[in-house]
C-alpha atoms as a PDB file:
ATOM      1  CA  MET A   1     219.445 194.094  41.435  1.00  0.00           C
ATOM      2  CA  SER A   2     215.798 193.271  41.022  1.00  0.00           C
ATOM      3  CA  ASN A   3     213.944 195.111  38.308  1.00  0.00           C
ATOM      4  CA  ARG A   4     211.097 195.925  40.690  1.00  0.00           C
ATOM      5  CA  PRO A   5     210.486 199.655  41.024  1.00  0.00           C
ATOM      6  CA  GLN A   6     211.857 201.244  44.166  1.00  0.00           C
ATOM      7  CA  TYR A   7     209.969 203.906  46.082  1.00  0.00           C
ATOM      8  CA  GLY A   8     211.048 206.988  47.964  1.00  0.00           C
ATOM      9  CA  GLY A   9     209.261 209.568  50.033  1.00  0.00           C
ATOM     10  CA  MET A  10     209.447 212.302  52.583  1.00  0.00           C
ATOM     11  CA  ALA A  11     207.627 213.456  55.678  1.00  0.00           C
ATOM     12  CA  VAL A  12     205.432 216.522  55.174  1.00  0.00           C
ATOM     13  CA  ILE A  13     203.068 218.561  57.341  1.00  0.00           C
ATOM     14  CA  GLU A  14     200.841 216.011  59.135  1.00  0.00           C
ATOM     15  CA  GLY A  15     201.503 213.427  56.463  1.00  0.00           C
ATOM     16  CA  VAL A  16     203.763 211.641  54.008  1.00  0.00           C
ATOM     17  CA  MET A  17     204.623 212.047  50.358  1.00  0.00           C
ATOM     18  CA  MET A  18     205.438 208.891  48.365  1.00  0.00           C
ATOM     19  CA  ARG A  19     206.849 208.715  44.873  1.00  0.00           C
ATOM     20  CA  GLY A  20     206.768 205.872  42.376  1.00  0.00           C
ATOM     21  CA  PRO A  21     208.047 205.701  38.798  1.00  0.00           C
ATOM     22  CA  LYS A  22     204.842 207.244  37.436  1.00  0.00           C
ATOM     23  CA  GLU A  23     203.070 209.192  40.175  1.00  0.00           C
ATOM     24  CA  THR A  24     203.626 211.122  43.383  1.00  0.00           C
ATOM     25  CA  ALA A  25     201.034 210.964  46.164  1.00  0.00           C
ATOM     26  CA  VAL A  26     200.576 213.056  49.309  1.00  0.00           C
ATOM     27  CA  ALA A  27     198.469 211.717  52.187  1.00  0.00           C
ATOM     28  CA  VAL A  28     197.636 214.044  55.086  1.00  0.00           C
ATOM     29  CA  ARG A  29     195.741 213.521  58.336  1.00  0.00           C
ATOM     30  CA  LYS A  30     193.182 216.298  58.637  1.00  0.00           C
ATOM     31  CA  SER A  31     191.969 217.782  61.925  1.00  0.00           C
ATOM     32  CA  ASP A  32     188.712 215.795  61.670  1.00  0.00           C
ATOM     33  CA  GLY A  33     190.662 212.516  61.592  1.00  0.00           C
ATOM     34  CA  THR A  34     190.130 211.734  57.905  1.00  0.00           C
ATOM     35  CA  ILE A  35     192.967 211.194  55.427  1.00  0.00           C
ATOM     36  CA  ALA A  36     193.183 213.569  52.470  1.00  0.00           C
ATOM     37  CA  LEU A  37     195.003 212.206  49.412  1.00  0.00           C
ATOM     38  CA  GLU A  38     196.213 213.937  46.261  1.00  0.00           C
ATOM     39  CA  LYS A  39     198.233 212.554  43.349  1.00  0.00           C
ATOM     40  CA  GLU A  40     200.121 214.040  40.432  1.00  0.00           C
ATOM     41  CA  PRO A  41     202.339 212.640  37.672  1.00  0.00           C
ATOM     42  CA  VAL A  42     206.108 212.475  38.063  1.00  0.00           C
ATOM     43  CA  SER A  43     208.184 214.708  35.778  1.00  0.00           C
ATOM     44  CA  ASP A  44     209.144 212.976  32.539  1.00  0.00           C
ATOM     45  CA  LEU A  45     212.321 215.018  31.995  1.00  0.00           C
ATOM     46  CA  PRO A  46     214.634 212.015  32.511  1.00  0.00           C
ATOM     47  CA  GLN A  47     212.660 210.124  29.868  1.00  0.00           C
ATOM     48  CA  ARG A  48     212.967 212.975  27.370  1.00  0.00           C
ATOM     49  CA  TYR A  49     216.597 213.833  28.192  1.00  0.00           C
ATOM     50  CA  ARG A  50     218.410 210.562  28.739  1.00  0.00           C
ATOM     51  CA  PHE A  51     221.620 212.227  29.929  1.00  0.00           C
ATOM     52  CA  LEU A  52     219.783 212.991  33.187  1.00  0.00           C
ATOM     53  CA  LYS A  53     220.025 209.249  33.880  1.00  0.00           C
ATOM     54  CA  TRP A  54     223.759 209.094  33.332  1.00  0.00           C
ATOM     55  CA  PRO A  55     225.943 208.379  36.375  1.00  0.00           C
ATOM     56  CA  PHE A  56     226.818 211.564  38.300  1.00  0.00           C
ATOM     57  CA  ALA A  57     224.400 213.685  36.231  1.00  0.00           C
ATOM     58  CA  ARG A  58     221.461 211.825  37.777  1.00  0.00           C
ATOM     59  CA  GLY A  59     222.624 212.677  41.297  1.00  0.00           C
ATOM     60  CA  THR A  60     222.616 216.408  40.591  1.00  0.00           C
ATOM     61  CA  TYR A  61     219.234 216.208  38.870  1.00  0.00           C
ATOM     62  CA  MET A  62     217.697 214.170  41.677  1.00  0.00           C
ATOM     63  CA  LEU A  63     218.961 216.607  44.317  1.00  0.00           C
ATOM     64  CA  ILE A  64     217.571 219.659  42.497  1.00  0.00           C
ATOM     65  CA  GLU A  65     214.279 217.951  41.732  1.00  0.00           C
ATOM     66  CA  SER A  66     213.984 216.740  45.310  1.00  0.00           C
ATOM     67  CA  LEU A  67     214.417 220.264  46.645  1.00  0.00           C
ATOM     68  CA  VAL A  68     211.859 221.740  44.241  1.00  0.00           C
ATOM     69  CA  VAL A  69     209.301 218.966  44.593  1.00  0.00           C
ATOM     70  CA  GLY A  70     209.886 218.806  48.335  1.00  0.00           C
ATOM     71  CA  MET A  71     209.005 222.483  48.778  1.00  0.00           C
ATOM     72  CA  CYS A  72     205.898 222.070  46.642  1.00  0.00           C
ATOM     73  CA  MET A  73     204.788 219.011  48.600  1.00  0.00           C
ATOM     74  CA  LEU A  74     205.348 220.723  51.940  1.00  0.00           C
ATOM     75  CA  ASN A  75     203.130 223.569  50.774  1.00  0.00           C
ATOM     76  CA  LYS A  76     200.531 221.157  49.402  1.00  0.00           C
ATOM     77  CA  SER A  77     200.425 219.213  52.656  1.00  0.00           C
ATOM     78  CA  ALA A  78     200.118 222.414  54.702  1.00  0.00           C
ATOM     79  CA  ASN A  79     197.145 223.527  52.614  1.00  0.00           C
ATOM     80  CA  MET A  80     195.578 220.042  52.693  1.00  0.00           C
ATOM     81  CA  SER A  81     195.800 219.876  56.488  1.00  0.00           C
ATOM     82  CA  MET A  82     194.092 223.242  56.962  1.00  0.00           C
ATOM     83  CA  ASP A  83     190.428 223.630  57.702  1.00  0.00           C
ATOM     84  CA  GLU A  84     188.289 225.177  54.975  1.00  0.00           C
ATOM     85  CA  GLU A  85     188.136 228.535  56.738  1.00  0.00           C
ATOM     86  CA  ASP A  86     191.951 228.800  56.946  1.00  0.00           C
ATOM     87  CA  GLU A  87     193.789 230.860  54.335  1.00  0.00           C
ATOM     88  CA  GLU A  88     196.066 228.878  52.034  1.00  0.00           C
ATOM     89  CA  LEU A  89     199.694 229.849  51.499  1.00  0.00           C
ATOM     90  CA  SER A  90     200.300 231.923  48.376  1.00  0.00           C
ATOM     91  CA  THR A  91     202.852 231.101  45.683  1.00  0.00           C
ATOM     92  CA  GLY A  92     204.864 234.154  46.702  1.00  0.00           C
ATOM     93  CA  GLU A  93     205.045 232.938  50.301  1.00  0.00           C
ATOM     94  CA  ILE A  94     206.200 229.519  49.157  1.00  0.00           C
ATOM     95  CA  VAL A  95     208.934 230.961  46.908  1.00  0.00           C
ATOM     96  CA  PHE A  96     210.130 233.352  49.610  1.00  0.00           C
ATOM     97  CA  THR A  97     210.295 230.575  52.188  1.00  0.00           C
ATOM     98  CA  GLY A  98     212.227 228.324  49.823  1.00  0.00           C
ATOM     99  CA  LEU A  99     214.734 231.026  48.885  1.00  0.00           C
ATOM    100  CA  LEU A 100     215.224 231.979  52.521  1.00  0.00           C
ATOM    101  CA  ALA A 101     215.845 228.349  53.514  1.00  0.00           C
ATOM    102  CA  PHE A 102     218.344 227.941  50.647  1.00  0.00           C
ATOM    103  CA  ALA A 103     220.176 231.149  51.589  1.00  0.00           C
ATOM    104  CA  LEU A 104     220.432 230.091  55.239  1.00  0.00           C
ATOM    105  CA  ALA A 105     221.741 226.659  54.227  1.00  0.00           C
ATOM    106  CA  MET A 106     224.429 228.225  52.031  1.00  0.00           C
ATOM    107  CA  LEU A 107     225.407 230.594  54.833  1.00  0.00           C
ATOM    108  CA  LEU A 108     225.614 227.879  57.473  1.00  0.00           C
ATOM    109  CA  PHE A 109     227.168 225.030  55.482  1.00  0.00           C
ATOM    110  CA  VAL A 110     229.288 226.856  52.885  1.00  0.00           C
ATOM    111  CA  VAL A 111     230.101 230.462  53.797  1.00  0.00           C
ATOM    112  CA  LEU A 112     230.688 230.129  57.562  1.00  0.00           C
ATOM    113  CA  PRO A 113     233.032 227.093  57.561  1.00  0.00           C
ATOM    114  CA  THR A 114     234.886 228.406  54.501  1.00  0.00           C
ATOM    115  CA  ALA A 115     235.319 231.876  56.022  1.00  0.00           C
ATOM    116  CA  ALA A 116     236.374 230.461  59.397  1.00  0.00           C
ATOM    117  CA  VAL A 117     239.194 228.451  57.818  1.00  0.00           C
ATOM    118  CA  HIS A 118     240.174 231.225  55.396  1.00  0.00           C
ATOM    119  CA  TYR A 119     240.782 233.743  58.176  1.00  0.00           C
ATOM    120  CA  THR A 120     242.659 231.232  60.349  1.00  0.00           C
ATOM    121  CA  ARG A 121     244.554 229.438  57.566  1.00  0.00           C
ATOM    122  CA  GLN A 122     247.919 230.379  59.086  1.00  0.00           C
ATOM    123  CA  TRP A 123     247.116 227.845  61.825  1.00  0.00           C
ATOM    124  CA  TRP A 124     246.440 224.925  59.503  1.00  0.00           C
ATOM    125  CA  GLY A 125     249.414 224.918  57.146  1.00  0.00           C
ATOM    126  CA  ASN A 126     248.877 223.441  53.676  1.00  0.00           C
ATOM    127  CA  VAL A 127     245.701 223.470  51.607  1.00  0.00           C
ATOM    128  CA  LEU A 128     244.885 219.822  52.322  1.00  0.00           C
ATOM    129  CA  MET A 129     244.837 220.447  56.072  1.00  0.00           C
ATOM    130  CA  GLN A 130     242.752 223.587  55.567  1.00  0.00           C
ATOM    131  CA  ASN A 131     240.145 221.643  53.625  1.00  0.00           C
ATOM    132  CA  LEU A 132     240.109 218.866  56.209  1.00  0.00           C
ATOM    133  CA  VAL A 133     239.410 221.388  58.979  1.00  0.00           C
ATOM    134  CA  GLU A 134     236.802 223.088  56.810  1.00  0.00           C
ATOM    135  CA  GLY A 135     235.105 219.754  56.207  1.00  0.00           C
ATOM    136  CA  ILE A 136     235.105 218.918  59.904  1.00  0.00           C
ATOM    137  CA  LEU A 137     233.543 222.315  60.643  1.00  0.00           C
ATOM    138  CA  ARG A 138     230.906 221.780  57.932  1.00  0.00           C
ATOM    139  CA  ILE A 139     229.954 218.375  59.305  1.00  0.00           C
ATOM    140  CA  SER A 140     229.924 219.760  62.843  1.00  0.00           C
ATOM    141  CA  PHE A 141     227.569 222.589  61.834  1.00  0.00           C
ATOM    142  CA  PHE A 142     225.336 220.071  60.077  1.00  0.00           C
ATOM    143  CA  LEU A 143     225.202 217.726  63.083  1.00  0.00           C
ATOM    144  CA  LEU A 144     224.523 220.659  65.417  1.00  0.00           C
ATOM    145  CA  TYR A 145     221.732 221.878  63.128  1.00  0.00           C
ATOM    146  CA  VAL A 146     220.120 218.429  63.013  1.00  0.00           C
ATOM    147  CA  TYR A 147     220.408 218.080  66.791  1.00  0.00           C
ATOM    148  CA  VAL A 148     218.855 221.486  67.470  1.00  0.00           C
ATOM    149  CA  ILE A 149     215.845 220.981  65.204  1.00  0.00           C
ATOM    150  CA  SER A 150     215.384 217.461  66.584  1.00  0.00           C
ATOM    151  CA  ARG A 151     214.751 219.029  70.000  1.00  0.00           C
ATOM    152  CA  LEU A 152     211.919 221.252  68.769  1.00  0.00           C
ATOM    153  CA  ASP A 153     208.440 220.071  69.724  1.00  0.00           C
ATOM    154  CA  GLU A 154     207.023 221.395  66.434  1.00  0.00           C
ATOM    155  CA  ILE A 155     209.325 219.080  64.474  1.00  0.00           C
ATOM    156  CA  ASP A 156     208.626 215.987  66.556  1.00  0.00           C
ATOM    157  CA  ARG A 157     205.503 214.944  64.637  1.00  0.00           C
ATOM    158  CA  VAL A 158     207.264 215.473  61.300  1.00  0.00           C
ATOM    159  CA  PHE A 159     209.991 213.090  62.450  1.00  0.00           C
ATOM    160  CA  MET A 160     207.315 210.568  63.500  1.00  0.00           C
ATOM    161  CA  TYR A 161     205.900 210.702  59.969  1.00  0.00           C
ATOM    162  CA  HIS A 162     209.479 210.315  58.729  1.00  0.00           C
ATOM    163  CA  GLY A 163     209.701 207.060  60.695  1.00  0.00           C
ATOM    164  CA  ALA A 164     206.302 205.976  59.334  1.00  0.00           C
ATOM    165  CA  GLU A 165     207.489 206.585  55.777  1.00  0.00           C
ATOM    166  CA  HIS A 166     210.528 204.341  56.298  1.00  0.00           C
ATOM    167  CA  LYS A 167     208.469 201.557  57.885  1.00  0.00           C
ATOM    168  CA  ALA A 168     205.980 201.644  55.012  1.00  0.00           C
ATOM    169  CA  ILE A 169     208.752 201.350  52.405  1.00  0.00           C
ATOM    170  CA  PHE A 170     210.414 198.495  54.300  1.00  0.00           C
ATOM    171  CA  THR A 171     207.061 196.664  54.308  1.00  0.00           C
ATOM    172  CA  GLN A 172     206.695 197.070  50.544  1.00  0.00           C
ATOM    173  CA  GLU A 173     210.310 196.028  49.909  1.00  0.00           C
ATOM    174  CA  ALA A 174     209.722 192.861  51.961  1.00  0.00           C
ATOM    175  CA  GLY A 175     206.800 191.972  49.690  1.00  0.00           C
ATOM    176  CA  GLU A 176     204.317 192.042  52.557  1.00  0.00           C
ATOM    177  CA  GLU A 177     200.764 193.334  52.539  1.00  0.00           C
ATOM    178  CA  LEU A 178     200.699 197.049  53.334  1.00  0.00           C
ATOM    179  CA  THR A 179     199.013 196.917  56.722  1.00  0.00           C
ATOM    180  CA  VAL A 180     199.737 198.720  59.973  1.00  0.00           C
ATOM    181  CA  GLU A 181     200.376 195.388  61.690  1.00  0.00           C
ATOM    182  CA  ASN A 182     203.070 194.425  59.179  1.00  0.00           C
ATOM    183  CA  ALA A 183     204.696 197.871  59.166  1.00  0.00           C
ATOM    184  CA  ARG A 184     205.009 198.170  62.946  1.00  0.00           C
ATOM    185  CA  LYS A 185     207.855 195.656  63.239  1.00  0.00           C
ATOM    186  CA  TYR A 186     210.273 197.430  60.908  1.00  0.00           C
ATOM    187  CA  THR A 187     212.965 199.892  61.895  1.00  0.00           C
ATOM    188  CA  THR A 188     212.678 203.627  61.273  1.00  0.00           C
ATOM    189  CA  LEU A 189     216.234 203.694  59.836  1.00  0.00           C
ATOM    190  CA  HIS A 190     216.511 203.227  56.062  1.00  0.00           C
ATOM    191  CA  PRO A 191     219.781 202.987  54.063  1.00  0.00           C
ATOM    192  CA  ARG A 192     218.513 205.211  51.206  1.00  0.00           C
ATOM    193  CA  CYS A 193     217.317 208.026  53.455  1.00  0.00           C
ATOM    194  CA  GLY A 194     218.056 211.579  52.338  1.00  0.00           C
ATOM    195  CA  THR A 195     219.498 212.315  55.778  1.00  0.00           C
ATOM    196  CA  SER A 196     222.242 209.783  55.115  1.00  0.00           C
ATOM    197  CA  PHE A 197     222.723 211.286  51.657  1.00  0.00           C
ATOM    198  CA  LEU A 198     223.365 214.740  53.116  1.00  0.00           C
ATOM    199  CA  LEU A 199     225.974 213.367  55.505  1.00  0.00           C
ATOM    200  CA  ILE A 200     227.700 211.534  52.640  1.00  0.00           C
ATOM    201  CA  VAL A 201     227.734 214.762  50.613  1.00  0.00           C
ATOM    202  CA  MET A 202     229.468 216.507  53.518  1.00  0.00           C
ATOM    203  CA  VAL A 203     232.178 213.839  53.594  1.00  0.00           C
ATOM    204  CA  VAL A 204     232.649 213.743  49.811  1.00  0.00           C
ATOM    205  CA  SER A 205     232.962 217.542  49.748  1.00  0.00           C
ATOM    206  CA  ILE A 206     236.166 217.291  51.803  1.00  0.00           C
ATOM    207  CA  LEU A 207     237.840 215.292  49.018  1.00  0.00           C
ATOM    208  CA  VAL A 208     236.491 217.353  46.114  1.00  0.00           C
ATOM    209  CA  PHE A 209     237.113 220.784  47.678  1.00  0.00           C
ATOM    210  CA  ALA A 210     240.712 219.774  48.422  1.00  0.00           C
ATOM    211  CA  LEU A 211     241.330 219.837  44.650  1.00  0.00           C
ATOM    212  CA  LEU A 212     240.286 223.497  44.342  1.00  0.00           C
ATOM    213  CA  GLY A 213     243.429 224.958  45.863  1.00  0.00           C
ATOM    214  CA  ASP A 214     243.725 228.185  47.844  1.00  0.00           C
ATOM    215  CA  GLY A 215     242.671 231.731  46.998  1.00  0.00           C
ATOM    216  CA  THR A 216     240.589 234.659  48.165  1.00  0.00           C
ATOM    217  CA  LEU A 217     237.494 234.147  50.273  1.00  0.00           C
ATOM    218  CA  PHE A 218     235.367 235.022  47.237  1.00  0.00           C
ATOM    219  CA  TYR A 219     237.111 232.324  45.194  1.00  0.00           C
ATOM    220  CA  ARG A 220     236.828 229.734  47.942  1.00  0.00           C
ATOM    221  CA  VAL A 221     233.075 230.280  48.397  1.00  0.00           C
ATOM    222  CA  TRP A 222     232.092 230.440  44.743  1.00  0.00           C
ATOM    223  CA  SER A 223     234.354 227.576  43.667  1.00  0.00           C
ATOM    224  CA  ARG A 224     232.606 225.359  46.197  1.00  0.00           C
ATOM    225  CA  LEU A 225     229.199 226.365  44.938  1.00  0.00           C
ATOM    226  CA  ALA A 226     230.330 225.756  41.344  1.00  0.00           C
ATOM    227  CA  VAL A 227     231.488 222.181  41.943  1.00  0.00           C
ATOM    228  CA  PHE A 228     228.595 221.234  44.219  1.00  0.00           C
ATOM    229  CA  PRO A 229     226.876 219.326  41.363  1.00  0.00           C
ATOM    230  CA  VAL A 230     229.963 217.087  41.212  1.00  0.00           C
ATOM    231  CA  VAL A 231     229.786 216.524  44.974  1.00  0.00           C
ATOM    232  CA  ALA A 232     226.067 215.713  44.782  1.00  0.00           C
ATOM    233  CA  GLY A 233     226.655 213.316  41.886  1.00  0.00           C
ATOM    234  CA  LEU A 234     229.389 211.428  43.727  1.00  0.00           C
ATOM    235  CA  GLY A 235     227.302 211.290  46.899  1.00  0.00           C
ATOM    236  CA  TYR A 236     224.310 209.921  45.021  1.00  0.00           C
ATOM    237  CA  GLU A 237     226.331 207.205  43.312  1.00  0.00           C
ATOM    238  CA  PHE A 238     227.787 206.203  46.669  1.00  0.00           C
ATOM    239  CA  ILE A 239     224.445 205.878  48.438  1.00  0.00           C
ATOM    240  CA  LYS A 240     222.960 204.072  45.420  1.00  0.00           C
ATOM    241  CA  PHE A 241     225.846 201.582  45.409  1.00  0.00           C
ATOM    242  CA  SER A 242     225.806 201.007  49.178  1.00  0.00           C
ATOM    243  CA  GLY A 243     222.015 200.619  49.143  1.00  0.00           C
ATOM    244  CA  LYS A 244     222.323 197.950  46.456  1.00  0.00           C
ATOM    245  CA  TYR A 245     224.681 195.905  48.653  1.00  0.00           C
ATOM    246  CA  TYR A 246     223.068 196.797  51.980  1.00  0.00           C
ATOM    247  CA  HIS A 247     222.940 193.171  53.098  1.00  0.00           C
ATOM    248  CA  ASN A 248     226.730 192.834  52.857  1.00  0.00           C
ATOM    249  CA  ARG A 249     228.628 193.512  56.051  1.00  0.00           C
ATOM    250  CA  TRP A 250     231.024 196.048  54.519  1.00  0.00           C
ATOM    251  CA  ALA A 251     228.114 198.113  53.170  1.00  0.00           C
ATOM    252  CA  ARG A 252     226.385 198.164  56.545  1.00  0.00           C
ATOM    253  CA  LEU A 253     229.596 199.390  58.166  1.00  0.00           C
ATOM    254  CA  VAL A 254     230.006 202.171  55.592  1.00  0.00           C
ATOM    255  CA  ILE A 255     226.450 203.495  55.949  1.00  0.00           C
ATOM    256  CA  ALA A 256     226.327 203.050  59.739  1.00  0.00           C
ATOM    257  CA  PRO A 257     227.052 206.768  60.439  1.00  0.00           C
ATOM    258  CA  GLY A 258     224.118 207.795  58.243  1.00  0.00           C
ATOM    259  CA  LEU A 259     221.819 205.339  59.982  1.00  0.00           C
ATOM    260  CA  GLY A 260     223.015 206.687  63.324  1.00  0.00           C
ATOM    261  CA  LEU A 261     222.177 210.219  62.237  1.00  0.00           C
ATOM    262  CA  GLN A 262     218.653 209.088  61.356  1.00  0.00           C
ATOM    263  CA  LYS A 263     218.093 208.389  65.037  1.00  0.00           C
ATOM    264  CA  LEU A 264     217.860 212.171  65.364  1.00  0.00           C
ATOM    265  CA  THR A 265     215.559 212.685  62.366  1.00  0.00           C
ATOM    266  CA  THR A 266     213.097 209.833  62.879  1.00  0.00           C
ATOM    267  CA  ARG A 267     210.749 208.910  65.697  1.00  0.00           C
ATOM    268  CA  GLU A 268     208.659 205.810  66.331  1.00  0.00           C
ATOM    269  CA  PRO A 269     205.273 206.559  64.691  1.00  0.00           C
ATOM    270  CA  ASP A 270     201.846 205.712  66.056  1.00  0.00           C
ATOM    271  CA  ASP A 271     199.349 203.561  64.168  1.00  0.00           C
ATOM    272  CA  GLU A 272     197.496 206.560  62.728  1.00  0.00           C
ATOM    273  CA  GLN A 273     200.714 207.903  61.209  1.00  0.00           C
ATOM    274  CA  LEU A 274     201.553 204.497  59.771  1.00  0.00           C
ATOM    275  CA  GLU A 275     198.081 204.437  58.246  1.00  0.00           C
ATOM    276  CA  VAL A 276     198.786 207.750  56.489  1.00  0.00           C
ATOM    277  CA  ALA A 277     202.168 206.575  55.147  1.00  0.00           C
ATOM    278  CA  LEU A 278     200.673 203.330  53.871  1.00  0.00           C
ATOM    279  CA  ALA A 279     197.821 205.207  52.186  1.00  0.00           C
ATOM    280  CA  ALA A 280     200.326 207.352  50.274  1.00  0.00           C
ATOM    281  CA  LEU A 281     202.351 204.301  49.240  1.00  0.00           C
ATOM    282  CA  ARG A 282     199.279 202.361  48.091  1.00  0.00           C
ATOM    283  CA  ALA A 283     198.281 205.324  45.932  1.00  0.00           C
ATOM    284  CA  VAL A 284     201.487 205.188  43.877  1.00  0.00           C
ATOM    285  CA  LEU A 285     201.489 201.386  43.808  1.00  0.00           C
ATOM    286  CA  GLU A 286     198.115 201.404  42.054  1.00  0.00           C
ATOM    287  CA  VAL A 287     199.832 202.807  38.969  1.00  0.00           C
ATOM    288  CA  SER A 288     203.443 201.815  39.529  1.00  0.00           C
ATOM    289  CA  ALA A 289     203.266 198.200  40.714  1.00  0.00           C
ATOM    290  CA  PRO A 290     202.754 196.627  37.247  1.00  0.00           C
ATOM    291  CA  VAL A 291     205.571 198.670  35.732  1.00  0.00           C
ATOM    292  CA  SER A 292     208.801 196.851  34.976  1.00  0.00           C
ATOM    293  CA  VAL A 293     211.865 199.083  34.826  1.00  0.00           C
ATOM    294  CA  THR A 294     215.395 198.440  33.691  1.00  0.00           C
ATOM    295  CA  GLY A 295     218.438 198.872  35.883  1.00  0.00           C
ATOM    296  CA  ASP A 296     219.155 202.433  34.730  1.00  0.00           C
ATOM    297  CA  GLU A 297     215.614 203.540  35.493  1.00  0.00           C
ATOM    298  CA  GLU A 298     215.450 202.389  39.106  1.00  0.00           C
ATOM    299  CA  GLU A 299     217.043 205.500  40.524  1.00  0.00           C
ATOM    300  CA  ASP A 300     213.993 207.630  39.692  1.00  0.00           C
ATOM    301  CA  SER A 301     212.561 207.019  43.141  1.00  0.00           C
ATOM    302  CA  GLN A 302     215.420 205.315  44.905  1.00  0.00           C
ATOM    303  CA  LEU A 303     216.720 208.179  47.003  1.00  0.00           C
ATOM    304  CA  GLY A 304     214.760 209.204  50.057  1.00  0.00           C
ATOM    305  CA  TRP A 305     213.668 212.840  50.029  1.00  0.00           C
ATOM    306  CA  ALA A 306     214.219 213.986  53.355  1.00  0.00           C
ATOM    307  CA  GLY A 307     213.618 216.744  54.707  1.00  0.00           C
ATOM    308  CA  ALA A 308     213.508 215.645  52.832  1.00  0.00           C
ATOM    309  CA  ARG A 309     213.323 212.331  54.460  1.00  0.00           C
END
């Protein structure tokens, strides 16, 4: 793999966040048509604690950091897009929103499928079959959730910025000048997208949870939460590996379901949205482009942050 830095990002409120090895930038289209841009340094925790770069550990760290940074960037973009007379969101509102979203995700993707199988386990026979059914339910809930939010008009522009973010990164990865004209021709589907990562995590969870055995509903729920870092680590290593060999036919076949799912979470952006995504990417390139990283440092910004991405 090339030692060039890789970049990741996510769609935010009326804009795009981009992250490089050294800085994170948020570009937002304001109501007056101008682009507001803010930058901040990337956390240096992986540099200070090298074990956070170890295989499997890095996947868990990246997932947690992505969730935390993603919430902060969504809040930042919301405040940046507001007019001066609008009231900014408070820290308490941000924390409450994040906790509520996390609780709903745990309820929908962990508690409900686990409880459904637990109370009907007499139908499914052995533990392996129970976990297979539970995994199918979890994936079904996830696909239904993605489909429902994809139909909301309020989310449509976020998904357009999601597509713009992917096109901008493809342009940079091709070594082309970061212009709207160059970015237009690229697809909105990217192999390192966080949407694909979430789907992979759902599939990997079927295999890992099958090793936990049977038990009470309390045990089944909390055991799944306890081993989730392992699931996230395996999922991250898988998407990192498949992204590395994306140009091989077998890799394209493996990640095809994730790319198909992105058709629900991305839209074709307009030129103004591409301009915003490119502005955010240029901002991190100003610092990051000269940096040469080694193979074990590339993952810092390799995974898309969907909405993360």
